[in-house]
Amino acid sequence: MNYQTYQPHPDLQALVKCYWTLEVPAQKDIQRQRIIPDGCIEMIFVLGDDVMRFTSGDDFIIQPREMILGQITEPFYIQPTGYVHSFAIRFYPYGFSCFVPSPLKDLANTETPISMLFGESESTTLGAAMLQAATTEERIHAIESFLLKKLTEDAVIDAVVKQTVDTIISTGGNAAIGAILKDDLSKRRQLERKFSSQIGMSPKQLGKVIRLQSALKMLLNQQSENLTEIAYESDYYDQAHFIKDFKEFTGTTPGAFLDDDTLTLSSVFYKKD
């Protein structure tokens, strides 16, 4: 499995967290993989064989080959049909809203074809550029030209939304929203609406996801094997609270996480993130 990340152009660094590529040779016994929430929206190009995403039991859809994966609040189960080769753009929580007028809540927990947001012509041109590029650097150049073209002067990040997201991230998901807004109920309701439109999830949901990511990194980097210590360091009320949130977003317990083969891909993503 070859997973690599790349930094964006300086003009996009406030919006794009990174570009990433993933290559995995075709295997005989292909296992489902569980993708867990990370608070980011991604634009993904499937350059290899098709990828299935299971919707219920053994029912599945084939993911679009050029898609936006919106905010997810529950595990996604995917399975490649052969050779895996993907190129993707990982946006900061508020980053993607600068490129589309659509409320991001409409993209949550689903894959949206790029053509539905940017039109068939631009989607086809962009998809062809991704396939025909000989190197990752060429793909990055193509996508940055596209994004910089879409980034108009009207694309402004709401200051309160950005401050709230930055505070949530900098505190590892432990920021009290009431403290940020000085317990102003009207501002809180307004922030909830803006988050729904510009982030795709509520401030509380984003905080829970970011806090989980902090705990995951401790597990994956073997900073501690003591769940009580991880819960404490991640500012959960107690170990029971930690396990409850962990199961909600990953579908498993912290103790079983490292030995779960369906989380191999997620482990690679979040250990290096």
C-alpha atoms as a PDB file:
ATOM      1  CA  MET A   1       0.000   0.000   0.000  1.00  0.00           C
ATOM      2  CA  ASN A   2       1.509   3.310  -1.087  1.00  0.00           C
ATOM      3  CA  TYR A   3      -0.061   6.415   0.459  1.00  0.00           C
ATOM      4  CA  GLN A   4       1.563   9.812  -0.120  1.00  0.00           C
ATOM      5  CA  THR A   5       0.556  13.379   0.750  1.00  0.00           C
ATOM      6  CA  TYR A   6       1.535  16.656  -0.953  1.00  0.00           C
ATOM      7  CA  GLN A   7       1.255  20.292   0.109  1.00  0.00           C
ATOM      8  CA  PRO A   8      -0.908  22.766  -1.857  1.00  0.00           C
ATOM      9  CA  HIS A   9      -0.002  26.008  -3.610  1.00  0.00           C
ATOM     10  CA  PRO A  10       0.445  28.912  -1.122  1.00  0.00           C
ATOM     11  CA  ASP A  11      -2.718  30.594  -2.463  1.00  0.00           C
ATOM     12  CA  LEU A  12      -4.710  27.491  -1.505  1.00  0.00           C
ATOM     13  CA  GLN A  13      -3.069  26.580   1.809  1.00  0.00           C
ATOM     14  CA  ALA A  14      -5.827  28.182   3.888  1.00  0.00           C
ATOM     15  CA  LEU A  15      -8.443  25.984   2.198  1.00  0.00           C
ATOM     16  CA  VAL A  16      -6.704  22.779   1.108  1.00  0.00           C
ATOM     17  CA  LYS A  17      -5.145  20.598   3.784  1.00  0.00           C
ATOM     18  CA  CYS A  18      -3.253  18.378   1.352  1.00  0.00           C
ATOM     19  CA  TYR A  19      -3.375  16.327  -1.820  1.00  0.00           C
ATOM     20  CA  TRP A  20      -3.005  12.591  -1.456  1.00  0.00           C
ATOM     21  CA  THR A  21      -2.446   9.562  -3.632  1.00  0.00           C
ATOM     22  CA  LEU A  22      -3.117   5.913  -2.882  1.00  0.00           C
ATOM     23  CA  GLU A  23      -1.971   2.873  -4.822  1.00  0.00           C
ATOM     24  CA  VAL A  24      -2.657  -0.720  -3.842  1.00  0.00           C
ATOM     25  CA  PRO A  25      -1.968  -3.693  -6.162  1.00  0.00           C
ATOM     26  CA  ALA A  26      -4.913  -5.916  -7.095  1.00  0.00           C
ATOM     27  CA  GLN A  27      -5.356  -8.749  -4.604  1.00  0.00           C
ATOM     28  CA  LYS A  28      -7.158 -12.075  -4.726  1.00  0.00           C
ATOM     29  CA  ASP A  29      -8.784 -11.794  -1.329  1.00  0.00           C
ATOM     30  CA  ILE A  30      -9.979  -8.203  -1.134  1.00  0.00           C
ATOM     31  CA  GLN A  31     -11.438  -7.164   2.199  1.00  0.00           C
ATOM     32  CA  ARG A  32     -13.873  -4.384   2.927  1.00  0.00           C
ATOM     33  CA  GLN A  33     -12.334  -1.300   4.466  1.00  0.00           C
ATOM     34  CA  ARG A  34     -13.962   1.002   6.977  1.00  0.00           C
ATOM     35  CA  ILE A  35     -13.507   4.740   6.410  1.00  0.00           C
ATOM     36  CA  ILE A  36     -14.130   6.820   9.509  1.00  0.00           C
ATOM     37  CA  PRO A  37     -15.022  10.527   9.857  1.00  0.00           C
ATOM     38  CA  ASP A  38     -12.196  13.085   9.965  1.00  0.00           C
ATOM     39  CA  GLY A  39     -14.071  16.397   9.647  1.00  0.00           C
ATOM     40  CA  CYS A  40     -12.844  17.068   6.096  1.00  0.00           C
ATOM     41  CA  ILE A  41     -14.494  17.086   2.675  1.00  0.00           C
ATOM     42  CA  GLU A  42     -12.613  15.412  -0.165  1.00  0.00           C
ATOM     43  CA  MET A  43     -12.595  15.580  -3.960  1.00  0.00           C
ATOM     44  CA  ILE A  44     -11.576  12.126  -5.178  1.00  0.00           C
ATOM     45  CA  PHE A  45     -10.589  10.797  -8.604  1.00  0.00           C
ATOM     46  CA  VAL A  46     -10.682   7.030  -9.059  1.00  0.00           C
ATOM     47  CA  LEU A  47      -7.934   6.290 -11.583  1.00  0.00           C
ATOM     48  CA  GLY A  48      -7.744   2.528 -11.136  1.00  0.00           C
ATOM     49  CA  ASP A  49     -10.498  -0.095 -10.987  1.00  0.00           C
ATOM     50  CA  ASP A  50     -13.960   0.666  -9.606  1.00  0.00           C
ATOM     51  CA  VAL A  51     -14.616   0.922  -5.871  1.00  0.00           C
ATOM     52  CA  MET A  52     -17.746  -0.405  -4.192  1.00  0.00           C
ATOM     53  CA  ARG A  53     -19.355   1.285  -1.211  1.00  0.00           C
ATOM     54  CA  PHE A  54     -21.703  -0.872   0.855  1.00  0.00           C
ATOM     55  CA  THR A  55     -25.000   0.741   1.733  1.00  0.00           C
ATOM     56  CA  SER A  56     -26.538  -2.063   3.799  1.00  0.00           C
ATOM     57  CA  GLY A  57     -25.355  -5.606   4.349  1.00  0.00           C
ATOM     58  CA  ASP A  58     -24.180  -6.888   0.972  1.00  0.00           C
ATOM     59  CA  ASP A  59     -25.941  -4.142  -1.010  1.00  0.00           C
ATOM     60  CA  PHE A  60     -23.540  -1.697  -2.628  1.00  0.00           C
ATOM     61  CA  ILE A  61     -23.111   1.119  -5.110  1.00  0.00           C
ATOM     62  CA  ILE A  62     -20.165   1.810  -7.407  1.00  0.00           C
ATOM     63  CA  GLN A  63     -18.607   5.072  -6.340  1.00  0.00           C
ATOM     64  CA  PRO A  64     -18.430   7.816  -9.001  1.00  0.00           C
ATOM     65  CA  ARG A  65     -15.005   8.040 -10.617  1.00  0.00           C
ATOM     66  CA  GLU A  66     -14.936  11.800 -10.038  1.00  0.00           C
ATOM     67  CA  MET A  67     -16.699  12.684  -6.808  1.00  0.00           C
ATOM     68  CA  ILE A  68     -17.002  14.850  -3.741  1.00  0.00           C
ATOM     69  CA  LEU A  69     -17.137  12.876  -0.510  1.00  0.00           C
ATOM     70  CA  GLY A  70     -19.047  15.108   1.895  1.00  0.00           C
ATOM     71  CA  GLN A  71     -18.779  15.171   5.667  1.00  0.00           C
ATOM     72  CA  ILE A  72     -19.434  11.731   7.083  1.00  0.00           C
ATOM     73  CA  THR A  73     -20.762  11.145  10.578  1.00  0.00           C
ATOM     74  CA  GLU A  74     -20.646   7.347  10.517  1.00  0.00           C
ATOM     75  CA  PRO A  75     -18.277   4.702   9.124  1.00  0.00           C
ATOM     76  CA  PHE A  76     -18.281   4.062   5.365  1.00  0.00           C
ATOM     77  CA  TYR A  77     -17.546   0.555   4.135  1.00  0.00           C
ATOM     78  CA  ILE A  78     -15.751   0.324   0.798  1.00  0.00           C
ATOM     79  CA  GLN A  79     -14.124  -2.450  -1.228  1.00  0.00           C
ATOM     80  CA  PRO A  80     -11.983  -2.132  -4.377  1.00  0.00           C
ATOM     81  CA  THR A  81     -12.732  -4.399  -7.317  1.00  0.00           C
ATOM     82  CA  GLY A  82      -9.068  -4.655  -8.294  1.00  0.00           C
ATOM     83  CA  TYR A  83      -6.152  -2.240  -8.640  1.00  0.00           C
ATOM     84  CA  VAL A  84      -6.498   0.822  -6.404  1.00  0.00           C
ATOM     85  CA  HIS A  85      -5.192   4.115  -7.746  1.00  0.00           C
ATOM     86  CA  SER A  86      -6.676   7.337  -6.435  1.00  0.00           C
ATOM     87  CA  PHE A  87      -5.792  11.021  -6.401  1.00  0.00           C
ATOM     88  CA  ALA A  88      -7.622  13.317  -3.993  1.00  0.00           C
ATOM     89  CA  ILE A  89      -7.843  16.771  -2.498  1.00  0.00           C
ATOM     90  CA  ARG A  90      -8.513  16.986   1.232  1.00  0.00           C
ATOM     91  CA  PHE A  91     -10.111  20.318   2.165  1.00  0.00           C
ATOM     92  CA  TYR A  92     -10.125  21.914   5.589  1.00  0.00           C
ATOM     93  CA  PRO A  93     -13.616  21.802   7.162  1.00  0.00           C
ATOM     94  CA  TYR A  94     -14.444  25.301   5.831  1.00  0.00           C
ATOM     95  CA  GLY A  95     -12.360  25.038   2.644  1.00  0.00           C
ATOM     96  CA  PHE A  96     -14.702  23.486   0.100  1.00  0.00           C
ATOM     97  CA  SER A  97     -17.498  26.017   0.681  1.00  0.00           C
ATOM     98  CA  CYS A  98     -15.336  28.615  -1.104  1.00  0.00           C
ATOM     99  CA  PHE A  99     -15.688  26.726  -4.397  1.00  0.00           C
ATOM    100  CA  VAL A 100     -19.406  25.886  -4.524  1.00  0.00           C
ATOM    101  CA  PRO A 101     -22.614  27.814  -3.754  1.00  0.00           C
ATOM    102  CA  SER A 102     -24.502  24.687  -2.602  1.00  0.00           C
ATOM    103  CA  PRO A 103     -25.112  24.161   1.148  1.00  0.00           C
ATOM    104  CA  LEU A 104     -22.623  21.511   2.240  1.00  0.00           C
ATOM    105  CA  LYS A 105     -25.212  19.789   4.421  1.00  0.00           C
ATOM    106  CA  ASP A 106     -26.656  18.474   1.119  1.00  0.00           C
ATOM    107  CA  LEU A 107     -23.402  16.583   0.485  1.00  0.00           C
ATOM    108  CA  ALA A 108     -23.188  14.908   3.893  1.00  0.00           C
ATOM    109  CA  ASN A 109     -22.824  11.118   4.123  1.00  0.00           C
ATOM    110  CA  THR A 110     -22.780  10.586   0.383  1.00  0.00           C
ATOM    111  CA  GLU A 111     -20.680  10.709  -2.772  1.00  0.00           C
ATOM    112  CA  THR A 112     -21.686  13.478  -5.167  1.00  0.00           C
ATOM    113  CA  PRO A 113     -20.463  13.347  -8.788  1.00  0.00           C
ATOM    114  CA  ILE A 114     -18.333  16.396  -9.572  1.00  0.00           C
ATOM    115  CA  SER A 115     -20.509  17.002 -12.638  1.00  0.00           C
ATOM    116  CA  MET A 116     -23.485  17.789 -10.367  1.00  0.00           C
ATOM    117  CA  LEU A 117     -21.585  20.674  -8.769  1.00  0.00           C
ATOM    118  CA  PHE A 118     -19.429  22.006 -11.609  1.00  0.00           C
ATOM    119  CA  GLY A 119     -21.261  20.868 -14.753  1.00  0.00           C
ATOM    120  CA  GLU A 120     -20.717  18.023 -17.191  1.00  0.00           C
ATOM    121  CA  SER A 121     -18.237  19.833 -19.435  1.00  0.00           C
ATOM    122  CA  GLU A 122     -15.815  20.902 -16.697  1.00  0.00           C
ATOM    123  CA  SER A 123     -16.132  17.543 -14.961  1.00  0.00           C
ATOM    124  CA  THR A 124     -15.270  15.663 -18.158  1.00  0.00           C
ATOM    125  CA  THR A 125     -12.299  17.930 -18.880  1.00  0.00           C
ATOM    126  CA  LEU A 126     -10.973  17.644 -15.337  1.00  0.00           C
ATOM    127  CA  GLY A 127     -11.452  13.876 -15.223  1.00  0.00           C
ATOM    128  CA  ALA A 128      -9.605  13.471 -18.523  1.00  0.00           C
ATOM    129  CA  ALA A 129      -6.732  15.610 -17.232  1.00  0.00           C
ATOM    130  CA  MET A 130      -6.410  13.380 -14.176  1.00  0.00           C
ATOM    131  CA  LEU A 131      -6.354  10.198 -16.282  1.00  0.00           C
ATOM    132  CA  GLN A 132      -3.974  11.496 -18.922  1.00  0.00           C
ATOM    133  CA  ALA A 133      -1.466  13.016 -16.489  1.00  0.00           C
ATOM    134  CA  ALA A 134       1.779  11.061 -16.390  1.00  0.00           C
ATOM    135  CA  THR A 135       2.753  12.140 -12.856  1.00  0.00           C
ATOM    136  CA  THR A 136       1.244  13.284  -9.590  1.00  0.00           C
ATOM    137  CA  GLU A 137       2.829  16.696 -10.150  1.00  0.00           C
ATOM    138  CA  GLU A 138       0.866  17.047 -13.400  1.00  0.00           C
ATOM    139  CA  ARG A 139      -2.348  16.158 -11.590  1.00  0.00           C
ATOM    140  CA  ILE A 140      -1.628  18.704  -8.881  1.00  0.00           C
ATOM    141  CA  HIS A 141      -0.991  21.372 -11.521  1.00  0.00           C
ATOM    142  CA  ALA A 142      -4.294  20.522 -13.244  1.00  0.00           C
ATOM    143  CA  ILE A 143      -6.375  20.580 -10.071  1.00  0.00           C
ATOM    144  CA  GLU A 144      -4.757  23.758  -8.784  1.00  0.00           C
ATOM    145  CA  SER A 145      -5.471  25.528 -12.065  1.00  0.00           C
ATOM    146  CA  PHE A 146      -9.092  24.416 -11.716  1.00  0.00           C
ATOM    147  CA  LEU A 147      -9.420  25.457  -8.059  1.00  0.00           C
ATOM    148  CA  LEU A 148      -7.703  28.824  -8.502  1.00  0.00           C
ATOM    149  CA  LYS A 149     -10.039  29.548 -11.411  1.00  0.00           C
ATOM    150  CA  LYS A 150     -13.039  28.749  -9.203  1.00  0.00           C
ATOM    151  CA  LEU A 151     -11.741  30.806  -6.300  1.00  0.00           C
ATOM    152  CA  THR A 152     -13.271  34.210  -6.943  1.00  0.00           C
ATOM    153  CA  GLU A 153     -13.130  37.385  -4.891  1.00  0.00           C
ATOM    154  CA  ASP A 154     -16.619  36.567  -3.623  1.00  0.00           C
ATOM    155  CA  ALA A 155     -15.318  33.404  -1.949  1.00  0.00           C
ATOM    156  CA  VAL A 156     -14.889  34.587   1.637  1.00  0.00           C
ATOM    157  CA  ILE A 157     -14.710  32.358   4.688  1.00  0.00           C
ATOM    158  CA  ASP A 158     -17.099  33.526   7.399  1.00  0.00           C
ATOM    159  CA  ALA A 159     -14.879  34.911  10.170  1.00  0.00           C
ATOM    160  CA  VAL A 160     -16.870  33.415  13.057  1.00  0.00           C
ATOM    161  CA  VAL A 161     -17.042  30.008  11.359  1.00  0.00           C
ATOM    162  CA  LYS A 162     -13.302  30.032  10.707  1.00  0.00           C
ATOM    163  CA  GLN A 163     -12.497  31.148  14.242  1.00  0.00           C
ATOM    164  CA  THR A 164     -14.723  28.424  15.672  1.00  0.00           C
ATOM    165  CA  VAL A 165     -13.249  25.695  13.456  1.00  0.00           C
ATOM    166  CA  ASP A 166      -9.681  26.826  14.146  1.00  0.00           C
ATOM    167  CA  THR A 167     -10.389  26.832  17.877  1.00  0.00           C
ATOM    168  CA  ILE A 168     -11.952  23.367  17.726  1.00  0.00           C
ATOM    169  CA  ILE A 169      -8.924  22.030  15.846  1.00  0.00           C
ATOM    170  CA  SER A 170      -6.320  23.784  18.008  1.00  0.00           C
ATOM    171  CA  THR A 171      -7.921  22.454  21.207  1.00  0.00           C
ATOM    172  CA  GLY A 172      -8.255  18.917  19.860  1.00  0.00           C
ATOM    173  CA  GLY A 173     -12.041  19.176  19.732  1.00  0.00           C
ATOM    174  CA  ASN A 174     -12.370  20.340  23.327  1.00  0.00           C
ATOM    175  CA  ALA A 175     -13.437  23.944  22.765  1.00  0.00           C
ATOM    176  CA  ALA A 176     -16.667  24.934  24.478  1.00  0.00           C
ATOM    177  CA  ILE A 177     -18.838  26.582  21.814  1.00  0.00           C
ATOM    178  CA  GLY A 178     -20.672  28.563  24.492  1.00  0.00           C
ATOM    179  CA  ALA A 179     -17.396  30.080  25.648  1.00  0.00           C
ATOM    180  CA  ILE A 180     -16.430  31.053  22.098  1.00  0.00           C
ATOM    181  CA  LEU A 181     -19.761  32.850  21.637  1.00  0.00           C
ATOM    182  CA  LYS A 182     -19.948  34.049  25.250  1.00  0.00           C
ATOM    183  CA  ASP A 183     -23.137  32.003  25.714  1.00  0.00           C
ATOM    184  CA  ASP A 184     -25.102  34.211  23.309  1.00  0.00           C
ATOM    185  CA  LEU A 185     -28.020  31.951  22.282  1.00  0.00           C
ATOM    186  CA  SER A 186     -28.876  33.931  19.133  1.00  0.00           C
ATOM    187  CA  LYS A 187     -25.256  33.765  17.957  1.00  0.00           C
ATOM    188  CA  ARG A 188     -25.209  30.041  18.710  1.00  0.00           C
ATOM    189  CA  ARG A 189     -28.252  29.414  16.515  1.00  0.00           C
ATOM    190  CA  GLN A 190     -26.749  31.538  13.754  1.00  0.00           C
ATOM    191  CA  LEU A 191     -23.483  29.584  14.006  1.00  0.00           C
ATOM    192  CA  GLU A 192     -25.367  26.282  13.779  1.00  0.00           C
ATOM    193  CA  ARG A 193     -26.988  27.430  10.509  1.00  0.00           C
ATOM    194  CA  LYS A 194     -23.667  28.626   9.083  1.00  0.00           C
ATOM    195  CA  PHE A 195     -21.950  25.371  10.035  1.00  0.00           C
ATOM    196  CA  SER A 196     -24.701  23.375   8.353  1.00  0.00           C
ATOM    197  CA  SER A 197     -24.227  25.380   5.154  1.00  0.00           C
ATOM    198  CA  GLN A 198     -20.454  25.938   5.119  1.00  0.00           C
ATOM    199  CA  ILE A 199     -19.091  22.887   6.985  1.00  0.00           C
ATOM    200  CA  GLY A 200     -21.742  20.222   6.484  1.00  0.00           C
ATOM    201  CA  MET A 201     -22.094  19.268  10.153  1.00  0.00           C
ATOM    202  CA  SER A 202     -22.763  20.990  13.468  1.00  0.00           C
ATOM    203  CA  PRO A 203     -20.047  22.500  15.697  1.00  0.00           C
ATOM    204  CA  LYS A 204     -20.727  19.765  18.268  1.00  0.00           C
ATOM    205  CA  GLN A 205     -20.321  16.993  15.653  1.00  0.00           C
ATOM    206  CA  LEU A 206     -17.091  18.515  14.344  1.00  0.00           C
ATOM    207  CA  GLY A 207     -15.748  18.813  17.886  1.00  0.00           C
ATOM    208  CA  LYS A 208     -16.494  15.129  18.556  1.00  0.00           C
ATOM    209  CA  VAL A 209     -14.806  14.078  15.295  1.00  0.00           C
ATOM    210  CA  ILE A 210     -11.681  16.177  15.947  1.00  0.00           C
ATOM    211  CA  ARG A 211     -11.413  14.879  19.513  1.00  0.00           C
ATOM    212  CA  LEU A 212     -11.711  11.316  18.223  1.00  0.00           C
ATOM    213  CA  GLN A 213      -8.921  12.007  15.715  1.00  0.00           C
ATOM    214  CA  SER A 214      -6.704  13.129  18.584  1.00  0.00           C
ATOM    215  CA  ALA A 215      -7.350   9.878  20.436  1.00  0.00           C
ATOM    216  CA  LEU A 216      -6.837   7.840  17.261  1.00  0.00           C
ATOM    217  CA  LYS A 217      -3.411   9.353  16.693  1.00  0.00           C
ATOM    218  CA  MET A 218      -2.392   8.371  20.209  1.00  0.00           C
ATOM    219  CA  LEU A 219      -3.497   4.812  19.528  1.00  0.00           C
ATOM    220  CA  LEU A 220      -1.936   4.571  16.074  1.00  0.00           C
ATOM    221  CA  ASN A 221       1.367   6.096  17.117  1.00  0.00           C
ATOM    222  CA  GLN A 222       1.400   3.903  20.236  1.00  0.00           C
ATOM    223  CA  GLN A 223       1.768   6.884  22.527  1.00  0.00           C
ATOM    224  CA  SER A 224      -0.228   4.916  25.058  1.00  0.00           C
ATOM    225  CA  GLU A 225      -2.002   1.573  25.317  1.00  0.00           C
ATOM    226  CA  ASN A 226      -3.878   2.622  28.427  1.00  0.00           C
ATOM    227  CA  LEU A 227      -7.416   3.567  27.400  1.00  0.00           C
ATOM    228  CA  THR A 228      -8.028   5.516  30.592  1.00  0.00           C
ATOM    229  CA  GLU A 229      -4.921   7.595  29.897  1.00  0.00           C
ATOM    230  CA  ILE A 230      -5.954   8.199  26.266  1.00  0.00           C
ATOM    231  CA  ALA A 231      -9.441   9.232  27.414  1.00  0.00           C
ATOM    232  CA  TYR A 232      -7.911  11.623  29.937  1.00  0.00           C
ATOM    233  CA  GLU A 233      -5.393  13.106  27.479  1.00  0.00           C
ATOM    234  CA  SER A 234      -8.169  13.600  24.900  1.00  0.00           C
ATOM    235  CA  ASP A 235     -10.345  15.316  27.532  1.00  0.00           C
ATOM    236  CA  TYR A 236     -13.201  12.803  27.605  1.00  0.00           C
ATOM    237  CA  TYR A 237     -15.293  12.753  30.794  1.00  0.00           C
ATOM    238  CA  ASP A 238     -14.229   9.184  31.457  1.00  0.00           C
ATOM    239  CA  GLN A 239     -13.287   5.961  29.685  1.00  0.00           C
ATOM    240  CA  ALA A 240     -16.952   5.034  29.124  1.00  0.00           C
ATOM    241  CA  HIS A 241     -17.569   8.332  27.315  1.00  0.00           C
ATOM    242  CA  PHE A 242     -14.470   7.731  25.185  1.00  0.00           C
ATOM    243  CA  ILE A 243     -15.578   4.219  24.204  1.00  0.00           C
ATOM    244  CA  LYS A 244     -19.121   5.428  23.388  1.00  0.00           C
ATOM    245  CA  ASP A 245     -17.891   8.150  20.990  1.00  0.00           C
ATOM    246  CA  PHE A 246     -15.281   5.809  19.539  1.00  0.00           C
ATOM    247  CA  LYS A 247     -17.886   3.176  18.656  1.00  0.00           C
ATOM    248  CA  GLU A 248     -20.246   5.816  17.227  1.00  0.00           C
ATOM    249  CA  PHE A 249     -17.705   6.994  14.642  1.00  0.00           C
ATOM    250  CA  THR A 250     -15.657   3.842  14.008  1.00  0.00           C
ATOM    251  CA  GLY A 251     -18.100   0.989  14.609  1.00  0.00           C
ATOM    252  CA  THR A 252     -15.668  -0.755  16.959  1.00  0.00           C
ATOM    253  CA  THR A 253     -14.022  -0.340  20.358  1.00  0.00           C
ATOM    254  CA  PRO A 254     -10.610   1.222  21.031  1.00  0.00           C
ATOM    255  CA  GLY A 255      -9.304  -2.113  22.270  1.00  0.00           C
ATOM    256  CA  ALA A 256     -10.236  -3.885  19.021  1.00  0.00           C
ATOM    257  CA  PHE A 257      -9.233  -1.065  16.683  1.00  0.00           C
ATOM    258  CA  LEU A 258      -5.568  -1.918  16.094  1.00  0.00           C
ATOM    259  CA  ASP A 259      -6.314  -5.570  15.305  1.00  0.00           C
ATOM    260  CA  ASP A 260      -9.244  -4.867  12.980  1.00  0.00           C
ATOM    261  CA  ASP A 261      -8.188  -5.625   9.377  1.00  0.00           C
ATOM    262  CA  THR A 262     -11.097  -3.586   8.007  1.00  0.00           C
ATOM    263  CA  LEU A 263      -9.444  -0.471   9.461  1.00  0.00           C
ATOM    264  CA  THR A 264      -6.072  -0.933   7.769  1.00  0.00           C
ATOM    265  CA  LEU A 265      -6.698   1.867   5.269  1.00  0.00           C
ATOM    266  CA  SER A 266      -8.059   4.291   7.866  1.00  0.00           C
ATOM    267  CA  SER A 267      -5.037   3.553  10.056  1.00  0.00           C
ATOM    268  CA  VAL A 268      -2.705   4.533   7.208  1.00  0.00           C
ATOM    269  CA  PHE A 269      -4.678   7.735   6.527  1.00  0.00           C
ATOM    270  CA  TYR A 270      -4.861   8.978  10.088  1.00  0.00           C
ATOM    271  CA  LYS A 271      -1.452   7.888  11.344  1.00  0.00           C
ATOM    272  CA  LYS A 272       0.224  10.051   8.690  1.00  0.00           C
ATOM    273  CA  ASP A 273      -2.338  12.866   8.668  1.00  0.00           C
END
